[in-house]
């Protein structure tokens, strides 16, 4: 039987003998008839910044919960710096910023950060955690008086308190305005410059493209793409033509040579092409009144939509 003293003594920092900050192997998790995660394999090296993308219900949050030891997998395993997730979290090697969970009420921000620091063996100084998270101006405010974006920054400060080697962030910039988001990512760049490993889930594709070294796309509980932003974007074939095209119908545009698909977006038409040069010539011949024409290469949003749509079709 474990003694009381043993229960209150924090574990030693996990080993990194296997060379991975995070190793997920064959993870499966179901909730009744819902198969949330279906065989996720993922290895993250120390110092990597990895973005987790996927539509709602893709399995991102469930995978993160298993990585943090908040829920047990039905099959497979998760390790963090060579240790099981609970041991890694207790040792202060992991800091997490999750969507769920209310902040403790009726305390100031500084009091909350101070209480949280008291739970860790080697925490950051409270003032340093507050400064890094950019919440010095609201440190004296009650947590019940915070805006959604301010509460997110406080959660980020709590994730920084154990001075972790791995930061796990689930939709970190939800409810933040543009200024707060920019400030948040500036703070994150300081953390990664110091060698921290970061895994963040986001719905903001531009954040993944701008900030992550690597993008992992989940759909229906499986990884459907894993690579740099440029590699993910390269999976989208061809280019897209957008234009105002008076008198055109989507059906007519789909029949043009070099056009793979067409759709209307407000007053403009979007033509995804296998041959943009041929499609443009055919467009101008058939609809000479076309104007405000733009041609662009595939972006991360196009790749994301195509990958997740293909995964849905395969599963169906």
Protein backbone atom coordinates (compact mmCIF):
# COMPACT_ATOMS: atom_id res chain seq x y z
CA UNK A 1 0.00 0.00 0.00
CA UNK A 2 1.27 3.49 -0.86
CA UNK A 3 2.03 5.62 2.18
CA UNK A 4 0.65 9.10 2.69
CA UNK A 5 4.12 10.57 2.34
CA UNK A 6 4.62 8.81 -0.96
CA UNK A 7 1.33 10.15 -2.30
CA UNK A 8 2.29 13.75 -1.57
CA UNK A 9 5.82 13.58 -2.95
CA UNK A 10 5.92 14.75 -6.60
CA UNK A 11 7.48 12.22 -8.95
CA UNK A 12 10.84 12.81 -10.51
CA UNK A 13 10.95 14.40 -13.96
CA UNK A 14 10.31 11.83 -16.69
CA UNK A 15 13.14 10.45 -18.75
CA UNK A 16 13.61 11.29 -22.42
CA UNK A 17 15.45 8.08 -23.22
CA UNK A 18 13.19 7.22 -26.15
CA UNK A 19 13.93 10.60 -27.76
CA UNK A 20 10.26 11.63 -28.11
CA UNK A 21 8.41 14.37 -26.29
CA UNK A 22 5.09 12.70 -27.18
CA UNK A 23 4.47 9.19 -28.47
CA UNK A 24 0.93 8.02 -29.22
CA UNK A 25 0.64 4.44 -30.42
CA UNK A 26 -2.56 2.85 -31.72
CA UNK A 27 -4.88 5.01 -29.62
CA UNK A 28 -8.56 4.04 -29.68
CA UNK A 29 -11.41 5.53 -27.68
CA UNK A 30 -15.15 5.01 -27.93
CA UNK A 31 -18.08 6.47 -26.04
CA UNK A 32 -20.91 4.00 -26.45
CA UNK A 33 -21.48 3.66 -30.19
CA UNK A 34 -19.37 6.75 -31.00
CA UNK A 35 -15.82 5.88 -32.10
CA UNK A 36 -14.07 9.13 -31.22
CA UNK A 37 -10.47 8.00 -31.90
CA UNK A 38 -9.66 5.15 -34.27
CA UNK A 39 -5.98 4.20 -34.18
CA UNK A 40 -3.96 7.40 -33.81
CA UNK A 41 -0.18 7.06 -34.13
CA UNK A 42 1.82 10.22 -33.56
CA UNK A 43 5.38 11.02 -32.46
CA UNK A 44 6.44 14.57 -31.59
CA UNK A 45 10.11 15.41 -31.12
CA UNK A 46 11.31 17.72 -28.34
CA UNK A 47 11.13 21.34 -29.47
CA UNK A 48 8.54 20.77 -32.21
CA UNK A 49 5.48 23.00 -32.58
CA UNK A 50 2.61 20.90 -33.87
CA UNK A 51 -0.88 22.07 -34.87
CA UNK A 52 -3.82 19.71 -34.50
CA UNK A 53 -6.53 20.42 -37.08
CA UNK A 54 -9.87 18.76 -37.63
CA UNK A 55 -13.59 19.50 -37.85
CA UNK A 56 -15.81 19.23 -34.80
CA UNK A 57 -16.02 15.59 -33.74
CA UNK A 58 -12.72 14.67 -35.39
CA UNK A 59 -11.24 13.38 -32.12
CA UNK A 60 -8.83 16.21 -31.29
CA UNK A 61 -10.01 16.90 -27.74
CA UNK A 62 -10.36 13.19 -26.93
CA UNK A 63 -6.81 12.57 -28.13
CA UNK A 64 -5.56 15.47 -26.01
CA UNK A 65 -7.44 14.11 -22.98
CA UNK A 66 -5.66 10.75 -23.40
CA UNK A 67 -2.32 12.51 -23.83
CA UNK A 68 -2.89 14.32 -20.53
CA UNK A 69 -4.08 11.22 -18.68
CA UNK A 70 -7.57 12.68 -18.22
CA UNK A 71 -9.14 9.65 -19.86
CA UNK A 72 -7.79 6.16 -20.49
CA UNK A 73 -7.61 4.76 -24.03
CA UNK A 74 -9.60 1.64 -24.88
CA UNK A 75 -6.51 0.43 -26.71
CA UNK A 76 -3.04 1.74 -27.45
CA UNK A 77 -0.69 3.83 -25.33
CA UNK A 78 0.49 7.38 -24.73
CA UNK A 79 3.82 8.48 -23.28
CA UNK A 80 5.22 11.93 -22.54
CA UNK A 81 9.00 12.19 -22.33
CA UNK A 82 9.09 8.42 -21.91
CA UNK A 83 6.66 8.36 -18.96
CA UNK A 84 2.96 7.70 -18.66
CA UNK A 85 0.91 10.93 -18.94
CA UNK A 86 -0.15 11.12 -15.28
CA UNK A 87 3.45 10.83 -14.08
CA UNK A 88 4.58 13.49 -16.57
CA UNK A 89 1.84 15.90 -15.49
CA UNK A 90 2.54 15.35 -11.78
CA UNK A 91 6.24 15.99 -12.38
CA UNK A 92 5.45 19.40 -13.91
CA UNK A 93 6.71 18.40 -17.35
CA UNK A 94 3.36 19.26 -18.96
CA UNK A 95 1.32 22.45 -18.91
CA UNK A 96 -2.20 22.34 -20.34
CA UNK A 97 -4.64 25.01 -21.44
CA UNK A 98 -8.03 23.42 -22.00
CA UNK A 99 -11.37 24.78 -23.20
CA UNK A 100 -13.33 23.14 -20.43
CA UNK A 101 -13.24 24.04 -16.76
CA UNK A 102 -14.22 27.28 -15.08
CA UNK A 103 -11.71 29.40 -13.20
CA UNK A 104 -11.97 29.38 -9.42
CA UNK A 105 -14.43 32.18 -8.50
CA UNK A 106 -14.13 34.94 -5.91
CA UNK A 107 -10.35 35.26 -6.13
CA UNK A 108 -8.15 37.67 -8.02
CA UNK A 109 -6.07 36.54 -10.96
CA UNK A 110 -2.88 36.89 -8.90
CA UNK A 111 -4.35 34.86 -6.04
CA UNK A 112 -5.35 32.11 -8.46
CA UNK A 113 -1.90 31.93 -10.06
CA UNK A 114 -0.29 31.96 -6.60
CA UNK A 115 -2.47 29.08 -5.39
CA UNK A 116 -1.69 27.11 -8.52
CA UNK A 117 2.06 27.71 -8.13
CA UNK A 118 1.90 26.28 -4.60
CA UNK A 119 0.91 22.92 -6.08
CA UNK A 120 4.19 22.52 -7.99
CA UNK A 121 7.69 21.61 -6.90
CA UNK A 122 9.60 24.11 -9.07
CA UNK A 123 7.07 26.67 -10.36
CA UNK A 124 7.84 29.83 -12.23
CA UNK A 125 7.76 32.92 -10.02
CA UNK A 126 4.18 34.17 -9.98
CA UNK A 127 5.11 37.57 -11.41
CA UNK A 128 7.00 35.93 -14.26
CA UNK A 129 4.07 33.68 -15.19
CA UNK A 130 1.74 36.67 -15.12
CA UNK A 131 4.10 38.76 -17.24
CA UNK A 132 4.68 35.99 -19.81
CA UNK A 133 0.94 35.51 -20.21
CA UNK A 134 0.42 39.23 -20.67
CA UNK A 135 -2.07 39.60 -17.81
CA UNK A 136 -0.25 42.09 -15.54
CA UNK A 137 -2.97 44.69 -16.11
CA UNK A 138 -5.73 42.35 -14.88
CA UNK A 139 -3.80 40.63 -12.06
CA UNK A 140 -5.88 42.41 -9.44
CA UNK A 141 -9.24 41.65 -11.04
CA UNK A 142 -11.64 39.01 -9.75
CA UNK A 143 -11.86 36.00 -12.05
CA UNK A 144 -15.63 36.45 -12.30
CA UNK A 145 -15.11 39.86 -13.93
CA UNK A 146 -12.94 38.64 -16.82
CA UNK A 147 -13.94 38.64 -20.47
CA UNK A 148 -13.71 35.39 -22.41
CA UNK A 149 -10.40 36.40 -23.97
CA UNK A 150 -8.95 37.49 -20.63
CA UNK A 151 -9.98 34.19 -19.04
CA UNK A 152 -8.13 32.36 -21.80
CA UNK A 153 -4.97 34.33 -21.04
CA UNK A 154 -5.30 33.41 -17.35
CA UNK A 155 -5.58 29.73 -18.34
CA UNK A 156 -2.39 30.21 -20.35
CA UNK A 157 -0.65 31.64 -17.27
CA UNK A 158 -1.71 28.56 -15.28
CA UNK A 159 -0.27 26.34 -18.03
CA UNK A 160 3.04 28.19 -17.73
CA UNK A 161 3.25 27.98 -13.92
CA UNK A 162 4.94 24.52 -13.72
CA UNK A 163 7.57 25.75 -16.23
CA UNK A 164 6.77 22.72 -18.41
CA UNK A 165 8.76 21.23 -21.25
CA UNK A 166 5.51 20.45 -23.13
CA UNK A 167 2.61 22.86 -23.59
CA UNK A 168 -0.70 21.35 -24.69
CA UNK A 169 -3.22 23.97 -25.82
CA UNK A 170 -6.80 23.14 -26.84
CA UNK A 171 -8.24 26.00 -28.93
CA UNK A 172 -6.10 28.55 -27.06
CA UNK A 173 -7.30 31.71 -28.84
CA UNK A 174 -11.05 31.07 -28.70
CA UNK A 175 -12.84 34.24 -27.51
CA UNK A 176 -9.73 36.40 -28.03
CA UNK A 177 -9.97 39.49 -30.20
CA UNK A 178 -7.38 40.16 -32.89
CA UNK A 179 -5.10 42.18 -30.59
CA UNK A 180 -5.15 39.54 -27.86
CA UNK A 181 -4.47 36.77 -30.40
CA UNK A 182 -1.42 38.59 -31.73
CA UNK A 183 -0.14 39.17 -28.22
CA UNK A 184 -0.75 35.52 -27.32
CA UNK A 185 1.25 34.19 -30.28
CA UNK A 186 4.07 36.65 -29.58
CA UNK A 187 4.26 35.15 -26.08
CA UNK A 188 4.16 31.64 -27.52
CA UNK A 189 7.06 32.42 -29.84
CA UNK A 190 9.13 33.36 -26.81
CA UNK A 191 8.30 29.99 -25.24
CA UNK A 192 9.21 28.00 -28.33
CA UNK A 193 12.40 29.99 -28.82
CA UNK A 194 13.40 28.66 -25.40
CA UNK A 195 12.96 25.08 -26.67
CA UNK A 196 9.48 24.23 -25.41
CA UNK A 197 7.49 21.55 -27.23
CA UNK A 198 3.99 22.72 -28.19
CA UNK A 199 0.91 20.84 -29.35
CA UNK A 200 -2.10 23.06 -30.07
CA UNK A 201 -5.53 22.34 -31.47
CA UNK A 202 -7.13 25.16 -33.41
CA UNK A 203 -9.92 26.04 -35.82
CA UNK A 204 -7.95 29.05 -37.07
CA UNK A 205 -6.12 27.64 -40.07
CA UNK A 206 -3.96 30.73 -40.50
CA UNK A 207 -2.57 30.15 -36.99
CA UNK A 208 -1.52 26.65 -37.92
CA UNK A 209 0.04 27.86 -41.16
CA UNK A 210 1.88 30.77 -39.54
CA UNK A 211 3.02 29.23 -36.27
CA UNK A 212 3.36 25.44 -36.51
CA UNK A 213 6.42 23.55 -37.71
CA UNK A 214 4.09 20.70 -38.52
CA UNK A 215 0.36 20.26 -39.16
CA UNK A 216 -1.54 17.08 -38.24
CA UNK A 217 -5.07 16.78 -39.68
CA UNK A 218 -7.64 14.51 -38.01
CA UNK A 219 -10.96 13.40 -39.47
CA UNK A 220 -13.36 10.84 -38.02
CA UNK A 221 -10.84 9.83 -35.37
CA UNK A 222 -7.95 9.16 -37.77
CA UNK A 223 -4.90 11.12 -38.91
CA UNK A 224 -5.45 11.92 -42.60
CA UNK A 225 -2.41 14.17 -43.14
CA UNK A 226 0.83 14.95 -41.33
CA UNK A 227 3.48 17.35 -42.61
CA UNK A 228 4.55 20.97 -42.88
CA UNK A 229 1.99 23.55 -43.92
CA UNK A 230 3.56 23.63 -47.38
CA UNK A 231 3.36 19.85 -47.70
CA UNK A 232 -0.28 19.83 -46.63
CA UNK A 233 -1.14 22.58 -49.11
CA UNK A 234 0.64 20.67 -51.87
CA UNK A 235 -2.00 17.92 -51.56
CA UNK A 236 -4.48 20.26 -53.24
CA UNK A 237 -4.19 19.82 -56.98
CA UNK A 238 -4.36 22.78 -59.33
CA UNK A 239 -5.37 26.38 -58.80
CA UNK A 240 -8.58 28.29 -58.24
CA UNK A 241 -10.05 31.10 -60.35
CA UNK A 242 -12.38 33.56 -58.65
CA UNK A 243 -14.31 36.11 -60.66
CA UNK A 244 -17.53 38.04 -61.07
CA UNK A 245 -19.20 36.29 -64.02
CA UNK A 246 -22.48 37.90 -65.13
CA UNK A 247 -25.03 35.44 -66.54
CA UNK A 248 -23.09 32.32 -65.56
CA UNK A 249 -24.55 29.34 -63.71
CA UNK A 250 -22.57 26.91 -61.57
CA UNK A 251 -23.58 24.07 -63.90
CA UNK A 252 -22.29 25.91 -66.98
CA UNK A 253 -19.00 26.72 -65.32
CA UNK A 254 -18.46 23.11 -64.24
CA UNK A 255 -18.63 22.09 -67.92
CA UNK A 256 -15.77 24.37 -68.97
CA UNK A 257 -12.51 22.67 -70.00
CA UNK A 258 -9.95 22.53 -67.18
CA UNK A 259 -12.54 23.08 -64.42
CA UNK A 260 -12.81 20.38 -61.74
CA UNK A 261 -15.55 22.06 -59.68
CA UNK A 262 -17.39 25.36 -59.35
CA UNK A 263 -19.35 27.08 -56.64
CA UNK A 264 -20.86 30.46 -55.92
CA UNK A 265 -19.53 32.48 -52.99
CA UNK A 266 -21.61 35.65 -52.67
CA UNK A 267 -21.37 37.69 -55.88
CA UNK A 268 -18.32 35.76 -57.14
CA UNK A 269 -17.77 32.34 -58.62
CA UNK A 270 -14.95 30.03 -57.56
CA UNK A 271 -13.61 27.57 -60.15
CA UNK A 272 -11.17 24.91 -58.91
CA UNK A 273 -9.08 23.88 -61.85
CA UNK A 274 -6.95 21.05 -63.15
CA UNK A 275 -5.70 23.41 -65.91
CA UNK A 276 -6.11 27.05 -64.90
CA UNK A 277 -4.72 28.43 -68.16
CA UNK A 278 -7.15 26.41 -70.27
CA UNK A 279 -10.03 27.17 -67.90
CA UNK A 280 -9.34 30.91 -68.06
CA UNK A 281 -9.31 30.92 -71.87
CA UNK A 282 -12.55 28.94 -71.95
CA UNK A 283 -14.13 31.23 -69.34
CA UNK A 284 -13.36 34.42 -71.29
CA UNK A 285 -14.57 32.85 -74.55
CA UNK A 286 -17.88 31.74 -73.00
CA UNK A 287 -18.41 34.70 -70.68
CA UNK A 288 -16.55 37.74 -72.07
CA UNK A 289 -18.12 40.05 -69.48
CA UNK A 290 -16.20 38.28 -66.67
CA UNK A 291 -14.27 40.75 -64.50
CA UNK A 292 -12.33 41.10 -61.24
CA UNK A 293 -10.55 37.83 -62.06
CA UNK A 294 -8.07 36.35 -59.59
CA UNK A 295 -6.02 33.16 -59.81
CA UNK A 296 -4.57 31.63 -56.65
CA UNK A 297 -2.83 28.44 -55.63
CA UNK A 298 -4.38 26.09 -53.07
CA UNK A 299 -4.16 27.21 -49.45
CA UNK A 300 -4.33 25.38 -46.15
CA UNK A 301 -8.10 25.84 -45.96
CA UNK A 302 -8.55 24.21 -49.38
CA UNK A 303 -6.34 21.30 -48.34
CA UNK A 304 -8.15 20.92 -45.02
CA UNK A 305 -11.58 20.85 -46.67
CA UNK A 306 -10.44 18.39 -49.32
CA UNK A 307 -8.73 16.03 -46.86
CA UNK A 308 -11.59 15.97 -44.38
CA UNK A 309 -14.20 15.61 -47.12
CA UNK A 310 -12.30 12.65 -48.59
CA UNK A 311 -12.06 11.04 -45.16
CA UNK A 312 -15.81 11.39 -44.67
CA UNK A 313 -16.53 9.85 -48.08
CA UNK A 314 -14.23 6.90 -47.40
CA UNK A 315 -15.81 6.28 -44.00
CA UNK A 316 -19.31 6.46 -45.48
